């Protein structure tokens, strides 16, 4: 719990965190960690003068809590797609041509 810890803005916190893939974390990432959390763990923040602040200790607790969670299989961003065969491509093109003729778009 943030109590007597030194507060820093979320923007300042992004500068103190290590880069990911050579790029600094965006401040929106820290806002998301505070609002939604990661796997049920939320970053501790305090609203101060219209800004959200956290502390180095809160970032450390957040990181340790995530590290203590059991490993999770990586999520797939996109479902794998099967390669389209030439026959499938021809059928798709024929279907598009028929639809265009039905709409009067092709002679």
C-alpha atoms as a PDB file:
ATOM      1  CA  UNK A   1       0.000   0.000   0.000  1.00  0.00           C
ATOM      2  CA  UNK A   2       1.326   3.413  -0.941  1.00  0.00           C
ATOM      3  CA  UNK A   3       1.698   5.280   2.325  1.00  0.00           C
ATOM      4  CA  UNK A   4       4.870   7.163   3.129  1.00  0.00           C
ATOM      5  CA  UNK A   5       6.488   6.181  -0.154  1.00  0.00           C
ATOM      6  CA  UNK A   6       7.782   8.813  -2.554  1.00  0.00           C
ATOM      7  CA  UNK A   7       5.193   9.342  -5.281  1.00  0.00           C
ATOM      8  CA  UNK A   8       6.097   9.647  -8.938  1.00  0.00           C
ATOM      9  CA  UNK A   9       3.787  10.300 -11.878  1.00  0.00           C
ATOM     10  CA  UNK A  10       2.999   7.441 -14.211  1.00  0.00           C
ATOM     11  CA  UNK A  11       4.899   9.277 -16.931  1.00  0.00           C
ATOM     12  CA  UNK A  12       7.989   9.407 -14.697  1.00  0.00           C
ATOM     13  CA  UNK A  13       7.476   5.724 -13.864  1.00  0.00           C
ATOM     14  CA  UNK A  14       7.716   4.813 -17.565  1.00  0.00           C
ATOM     15  CA  UNK A  15      11.167   6.431 -17.637  1.00  0.00           C
ATOM     16  CA  UNK A  16      12.334   4.352 -14.686  1.00  0.00           C
ATOM     17  CA  UNK A  17      11.145   1.004 -16.043  1.00  0.00           C
ATOM     18  CA  UNK A  18      13.410  -0.977 -18.373  1.00  0.00           C
ATOM     19  CA  UNK A  19      12.601  -0.741 -22.083  1.00  0.00           C
ATOM     20  CA  UNK A  20      10.718  -3.550 -23.787  1.00  0.00           C
ATOM     21  CA  UNK A  21      12.048  -4.509 -27.227  1.00  0.00           C
ATOM     22  CA  UNK A  22      14.176  -1.362 -27.126  1.00  0.00           C
ATOM     23  CA  UNK A  23      11.194   0.924 -26.558  1.00  0.00           C
ATOM     24  CA  UNK A  24       9.999   2.679 -23.436  1.00  0.00           C
ATOM     25  CA  UNK A  25       6.606   1.621 -22.102  1.00  0.00           C
ATOM     26  CA  UNK A  26       3.769   3.989 -22.951  1.00  0.00           C
ATOM     27  CA  UNK A  27       2.045   5.742 -20.064  1.00  0.00           C
ATOM     28  CA  UNK A  28      -1.255   4.182 -21.218  1.00  0.00           C
ATOM     29  CA  UNK A  29       0.219   0.788 -20.320  1.00  0.00           C
ATOM     30  CA  UNK A  30       0.606   1.869 -16.683  1.00  0.00           C
ATOM     31  CA  UNK A  31      -2.929   3.301 -16.676  1.00  0.00           C
ATOM     32  CA  UNK A  32      -4.171  -0.070 -17.952  1.00  0.00           C
ATOM     33  CA  UNK A  33      -2.166  -1.907 -15.265  1.00  0.00           C
ATOM     34  CA  UNK A  34      -3.802   0.328 -12.645  1.00  0.00           C
ATOM     35  CA  UNK A  35      -7.368   0.070 -13.970  1.00  0.00           C
ATOM     36  CA  UNK A  36      -7.628  -3.480 -15.325  1.00  0.00           C
ATOM     37  CA  UNK A  37      -4.513  -5.093 -13.995  1.00  0.00           C
ATOM     38  CA  UNK A  38      -2.625  -8.047 -15.382  1.00  0.00           C
ATOM     39  CA  UNK A  39      -3.930 -11.525 -14.558  1.00  0.00           C
ATOM     40  CA  UNK A  40      -5.782 -10.138 -11.528  1.00  0.00           C
ATOM     41  CA  UNK A  41      -2.890  -8.033 -10.195  1.00  0.00           C
ATOM     42  CA  UNK A  42      -3.308  -4.225 -10.264  1.00  0.00           C
ATOM     43  CA  UNK A  43      -0.667  -1.533 -10.004  1.00  0.00           C
ATOM     44  CA  UNK A  44      -1.185   0.605  -6.905  1.00  0.00           C
ATOM     45  CA  UNK A  45      -1.852   4.265  -7.752  1.00  0.00           C
ATOM     46  CA  UNK A  46      -3.076   7.399  -6.015  1.00  0.00           C
ATOM     47  CA  UNK A  47      -4.894  10.324  -7.588  1.00  0.00           C
ATOM     48  CA  UNK A  48      -3.067  13.537  -6.765  1.00  0.00           C
ATOM     49  CA  UNK A  49      -4.068  16.860  -8.267  1.00  0.00           C
ATOM     50  CA  UNK A  50      -5.773  15.310 -11.278  1.00  0.00           C
ATOM     51  CA  UNK A  51      -2.846  12.995 -11.979  1.00  0.00           C
ATOM     52  CA  UNK A  52      -2.248   9.402 -11.095  1.00  0.00           C
ATOM     53  CA  UNK A  53       0.897   8.642  -9.171  1.00  0.00           C
ATOM     54  CA  UNK A  54       2.584   5.471  -8.039  1.00  0.00           C
ATOM     55  CA  UNK A  55       5.855   4.662  -6.307  1.00  0.00           C
ATOM     56  CA  UNK A  56       8.969   2.686  -7.141  1.00  0.00           C
ATOM     57  CA  UNK A  57       8.043   0.325  -4.301  1.00  0.00           C
ATOM     58  CA  UNK A  58       4.541  -0.170  -5.774  1.00  0.00           C
ATOM     59  CA  UNK A  59       6.103  -0.989  -9.150  1.00  0.00           C
ATOM     60  CA  UNK A  60       8.394  -3.458  -7.400  1.00  0.00           C
ATOM     61  CA  UNK A  61       5.458  -5.115  -5.584  1.00  0.00           C
ATOM     62  CA  UNK A  62       3.521  -5.284  -8.866  1.00  0.00           C
ATOM     63  CA  UNK A  63       6.438  -6.957 -10.648  1.00  0.00           C
ATOM     64  CA  UNK A  64       7.040  -9.427  -7.828  1.00  0.00           C
ATOM     65  CA  UNK A  65       3.339 -10.339  -7.659  1.00  0.00           C
ATOM     66  CA  UNK A  66       3.331 -11.054 -11.393  1.00  0.00           C
ATOM     67  CA  UNK A  67       6.544 -13.062 -11.128  1.00  0.00           C
ATOM     68  CA  UNK A  68       5.002 -15.199  -8.373  1.00  0.00           C
ATOM     69  CA  UNK A  69       2.085 -16.246 -10.599  1.00  0.00           C
ATOM     70  CA  UNK A  70       2.353 -19.643 -12.286  1.00  0.00           C
ATOM     71  CA  UNK A  71       3.482 -19.519 -15.909  1.00  0.00           C
ATOM     72  CA  UNK A  72       0.759 -19.111 -18.478  1.00  0.00           C
ATOM     73  CA  UNK A  73       0.771 -20.340 -22.042  1.00  0.00           C
ATOM     74  CA  UNK A  74       1.178 -17.417 -24.459  1.00  0.00           C
ATOM     75  CA  UNK A  75      -2.051 -16.283 -26.045  1.00  0.00           C
ATOM     76  CA  UNK A  76      -2.398 -16.405 -29.793  1.00  0.00           C
ATOM     77  CA  UNK A  77      -3.195 -13.057 -31.290  1.00  0.00           C
ATOM     78  CA  UNK A  78      -4.698 -14.484 -34.449  1.00  0.00           C
ATOM     79  CA  UNK A  79      -6.121 -17.848 -35.343  1.00  0.00           C
ATOM     80  CA  UNK A  80      -3.936 -19.705 -37.789  1.00  0.00           C
ATOM     81  CA  UNK A  81      -5.310 -19.694 -41.304  1.00  0.00           C
ATOM     82  CA  UNK A  82      -4.935 -22.474 -43.808  1.00  0.00           C
ATOM     83  CA  UNK A  83      -3.304 -21.616 -47.083  1.00  0.00           C
ATOM     84  CA  UNK A  84      -5.840 -21.178 -49.854  1.00  0.00           C
ATOM     85  CA  UNK A  85      -5.404 -23.675 -52.662  1.00  0.00           C
ATOM     86  CA  UNK A  86      -5.642 -22.719 -56.325  1.00  0.00           C
ATOM     87  CA  UNK A  87      -8.930 -24.633 -56.623  1.00  0.00           C
ATOM     88  CA  UNK A  88     -10.362 -22.761 -53.634  1.00  0.00           C
ATOM     89  CA  UNK A  89      -9.242 -19.454 -55.108  1.00  0.00           C
ATOM     90  CA  UNK A  90     -10.934 -20.249 -58.428  1.00  0.00           C
ATOM     91  CA  UNK A  91     -14.195 -21.173 -56.635  1.00  0.00           C
ATOM     92  CA  UNK A  92     -14.067 -17.933 -54.645  1.00  0.00           C
ATOM     93  CA  UNK A  93     -13.496 -15.870 -57.787  1.00  0.00           C
ATOM     94  CA  UNK A  94     -16.354 -17.644 -59.588  1.00  0.00           C
ATOM     95  CA  UNK A  95     -18.655 -16.922 -56.620  1.00  0.00           C
ATOM     96  CA  UNK A  96     -17.691 -13.218 -56.717  1.00  0.00           C
ATOM     97  CA  UNK A  97     -18.294 -13.072 -60.484  1.00  0.00           C
ATOM     98  CA  UNK A  98     -21.744 -14.653 -60.054  1.00  0.00           C
ATOM     99  CA  UNK A  99     -22.642 -12.184 -57.302  1.00  0.00           C
ATOM    100  CA  UNK A 100     -21.475  -9.259 -59.481  1.00  0.00           C
ATOM    101  CA  UNK A 101     -23.590 -10.486 -62.411  1.00  0.00           C
ATOM    102  CA  UNK A 102     -26.617 -10.883 -60.142  1.00  0.00           C
ATOM    103  CA  UNK A 103     -26.209  -7.276 -58.998  1.00  0.00           C
ATOM    104  CA  UNK A 104     -25.806  -6.089 -62.585  1.00  0.00           C
ATOM    105  CA  UNK A 105     -22.245  -4.940 -61.974  1.00  0.00           C
ATOM    106  CA  UNK A 106     -20.728  -7.109 -64.682  1.00  0.00           C
ATOM    107  CA  UNK A 107     -21.860  -7.823 -68.200  1.00  0.00           C
END
